[in-house]
Amino acid sequence: MALLNWRSADHYDHSGDKPCVLCTRPTPLRSDHGKPVHKVCAEQWLDAHASQEDDA
C-alpha cells in the first residue's frame, strides 16, 4: 500500500470541511492538487489504480 506523506500544512484547509471526492464524507484535508480527499481514500485510490496500470 502506498503511504502518502501529508505532514505539510498545505494539506489542511482551515476554511472548513468539504466532501471527499472519493467517499463524499467531509474532510479538511486536500490533495496536492487542492482537491478535498481523505489521506486513506487517496492511498486506496492510488493502490487500486497502480495495480490496473501494472496489469496493462
N, C-alpha and C. Protein backbone atom coordinates (compact mmCIF):
# COMPACT_ATOMS: atom_id res chain seq x y z
N MET A 1 0.84 -1.18 0.00
CA MET A 1 0.00 0.00 0.00
C MET A 1 0.88 1.24 0.00
N ALA A 2 0.54 2.18 -0.84
CA ALA A 2 1.25 3.45 -0.91
C ALA A 2 0.91 4.28 0.32
N LEU A 3 1.92 4.79 0.98
CA LEU A 3 1.71 5.68 2.12
C LEU A 3 2.14 7.08 1.74
N LEU A 4 1.20 8.00 1.77
CA LEU A 4 1.48 9.38 1.40
C LEU A 4 1.99 10.16 2.59
N ASN A 5 2.90 11.08 2.35
CA ASN A 5 3.41 11.95 3.40
C ASN A 5 2.67 13.28 3.31
N TRP A 6 1.71 13.48 4.19
CA TRP A 6 0.93 14.70 4.20
C TRP A 6 1.21 15.51 5.46
N ARG A 7 2.45 15.58 5.87
CA ARG A 7 2.82 16.34 7.07
C ARG A 7 2.79 17.84 6.83
N SER A 8 2.88 18.23 5.59
CA SER A 8 2.87 19.66 5.26
C SER A 8 1.51 20.28 5.61
N ALA A 9 1.55 21.49 6.13
CA ALA A 9 0.32 22.21 6.45
C ALA A 9 -0.51 22.51 5.21
N ASP A 10 0.10 22.40 4.02
CA ASP A 10 -0.63 22.65 2.77
C ASP A 10 -1.78 21.66 2.56
N HIS A 11 -1.73 20.53 3.24
CA HIS A 11 -2.76 19.51 3.07
C HIS A 11 -3.96 19.74 3.98
N TYR A 12 -3.91 20.77 4.80
CA TYR A 12 -5.02 21.08 5.71
C TYR A 12 -5.63 22.42 5.32
N ASP A 13 -6.94 22.42 5.10
CA ASP A 13 -7.65 23.65 4.71
C ASP A 13 -8.40 24.19 5.92
N HIS A 14 -7.94 25.31 6.44
CA HIS A 14 -8.54 25.90 7.63
C HIS A 14 -9.89 26.55 7.34
N SER A 15 -10.27 26.65 6.07
CA SER A 15 -11.55 27.29 5.74
C SER A 15 -12.74 26.36 5.99
N GLY A 16 -12.47 25.08 6.24
CA GLY A 16 -13.57 24.17 6.57
C GLY A 16 -13.58 22.90 5.76
N ASP A 17 -14.46 22.01 6.18
CA ASP A 17 -14.60 20.71 5.52
C ASP A 17 -15.34 20.84 4.19
N LYS A 18 -14.96 19.97 3.28
CA LYS A 18 -15.65 19.81 2.01
C LYS A 18 -15.80 18.31 1.77
N PRO A 19 -16.74 17.88 0.94
CA PRO A 19 -16.92 16.45 0.69
C PRO A 19 -15.70 15.85 -0.03
N CYS A 20 -15.25 14.73 0.47
CA CYS A 20 -14.16 13.98 -0.17
C CYS A 20 -14.60 13.59 -1.58
N VAL A 21 -13.72 13.76 -2.55
CA VAL A 21 -14.06 13.43 -3.93
C VAL A 21 -14.22 11.93 -4.14
N LEU A 22 -13.77 11.12 -3.19
CA LEU A 22 -13.85 9.67 -3.34
C LEU A 22 -14.96 9.03 -2.52
N CYS A 23 -15.15 9.48 -1.27
CA CYS A 23 -16.17 8.84 -0.42
C CYS A 23 -17.31 9.78 -0.05
N THR A 24 -17.21 11.04 -0.37
CA THR A 24 -18.19 12.11 -0.12
C THR A 24 -18.37 12.50 1.35
N ARG A 25 -17.64 11.90 2.27
CA ARG A 25 -17.70 12.32 3.67
C ARG A 25 -16.87 13.59 3.85
N PRO A 26 -17.22 14.47 4.79
CA PRO A 26 -16.50 15.73 4.97
C PRO A 26 -15.04 15.52 5.39
N THR A 27 -14.17 16.39 4.87
CA THR A 27 -12.75 16.34 5.24
C THR A 27 -12.12 17.72 5.13
N PRO A 28 -11.23 18.07 6.06
CA PRO A 28 -10.48 19.31 5.93
C PRO A 28 -9.20 19.11 5.13
N LEU A 29 -8.92 17.87 4.72
CA LEU A 29 -7.68 17.56 4.02
C LEU A 29 -7.80 17.84 2.53
N ARG A 30 -6.66 18.19 1.91
CA ARG A 30 -6.62 18.47 0.48
C ARG A 30 -5.46 17.73 -0.15
N SER A 31 -5.67 17.31 -1.38
CA SER A 31 -4.61 16.62 -2.14
C SER A 31 -3.55 17.63 -2.58
N ASP A 32 -2.53 17.15 -3.25
CA ASP A 32 -1.50 18.04 -3.79
C ASP A 32 -2.09 19.01 -4.81
N HIS A 33 -3.23 18.65 -5.39
CA HIS A 33 -3.89 19.48 -6.39
C HIS A 33 -5.02 20.31 -5.81
N GLY A 34 -5.17 20.30 -4.46
CA GLY A 34 -6.18 21.10 -3.80
C GLY A 34 -7.56 20.48 -3.73
N LYS A 35 -7.68 19.22 -4.13
CA LYS A 35 -8.97 18.54 -4.08
C LYS A 35 -9.23 18.00 -2.68
N PRO A 36 -10.46 18.12 -2.17
CA PRO A 36 -10.76 17.56 -0.86
C PRO A 36 -10.77 16.03 -0.91
N VAL A 37 -9.92 15.42 -0.09
CA VAL A 37 -9.82 13.96 -0.07
C VAL A 37 -9.15 13.52 1.23
N HIS A 38 -9.66 12.44 1.80
CA HIS A 38 -9.01 11.86 2.97
C HIS A 38 -7.71 11.20 2.53
N LYS A 39 -6.72 11.22 3.40
CA LYS A 39 -5.43 10.59 3.10
C LYS A 39 -5.62 9.10 2.82
N VAL A 40 -6.43 8.44 3.64
CA VAL A 40 -6.68 7.00 3.46
C VAL A 40 -7.37 6.74 2.11
N CYS A 41 -8.33 7.57 1.75
CA CYS A 41 -9.02 7.41 0.46
C CYS A 41 -8.04 7.58 -0.69
N ALA A 42 -7.16 8.57 -0.60
CA ALA A 42 -6.17 8.80 -1.66
C ALA A 42 -5.21 7.62 -1.77
N GLU A 43 -4.78 7.07 -0.64
CA GLU A 43 -3.87 5.93 -0.66
C GLU A 43 -4.54 4.70 -1.27
N GLN A 44 -5.80 4.47 -0.93
CA GLN A 44 -6.54 3.33 -1.50
C GLN A 44 -6.74 3.52 -3.00
N TRP A 45 -7.04 4.75 -3.42
CA TRP A 45 -7.22 5.03 -4.84
C TRP A 45 -5.93 4.77 -5.61
N LEU A 46 -4.81 5.24 -5.06
CA LEU A 46 -3.51 5.02 -5.71
C LEU A 46 -3.21 3.53 -5.84
N ASP A 47 -3.47 2.78 -4.79
CA ASP A 47 -3.22 1.33 -4.85
C ASP A 47 -4.09 0.66 -5.91
N ALA A 48 -5.36 1.02 -5.96
CA ALA A 48 -6.28 0.41 -6.93
C ALA A 48 -5.88 0.73 -8.35
N HIS A 49 -5.44 1.95 -8.60
CA HIS A 49 -5.09 2.35 -9.96
C HIS A 49 -3.68 1.94 -10.36
N ALA A 50 -2.79 1.79 -9.40
CA ALA A 50 -1.46 1.31 -9.71
C ALA A 50 -1.50 -0.15 -10.17
N SER A 51 -2.35 -0.96 -9.56
CA SER A 51 -2.46 -2.37 -9.96
C SER A 51 -3.08 -2.49 -11.34
N GLN A 52 -3.99 -1.58 -11.71
CA GLN A 52 -4.57 -1.60 -13.05
C GLN A 52 -3.53 -1.27 -14.09
N GLU A 53 -2.64 -0.33 -13.78
CA GLU A 53 -1.57 0.02 -14.72
C GLU A 53 -0.58 -1.12 -14.87
N ASP A 54 -0.33 -1.83 -13.77
CA ASP A 54 0.60 -2.97 -13.82
C ASP A 54 0.03 -4.09 -14.68
N ASP A 55 -1.31 -4.22 -14.72
CA ASP A 55 -1.96 -5.28 -15.49
C ASP A 55 -1.96 -4.99 -16.98
N ALA A 56 -1.80 -3.73 -17.35
CA ALA A 56 -1.88 -3.34 -18.76
C ALA A 56 -0.65 -3.76 -19.54
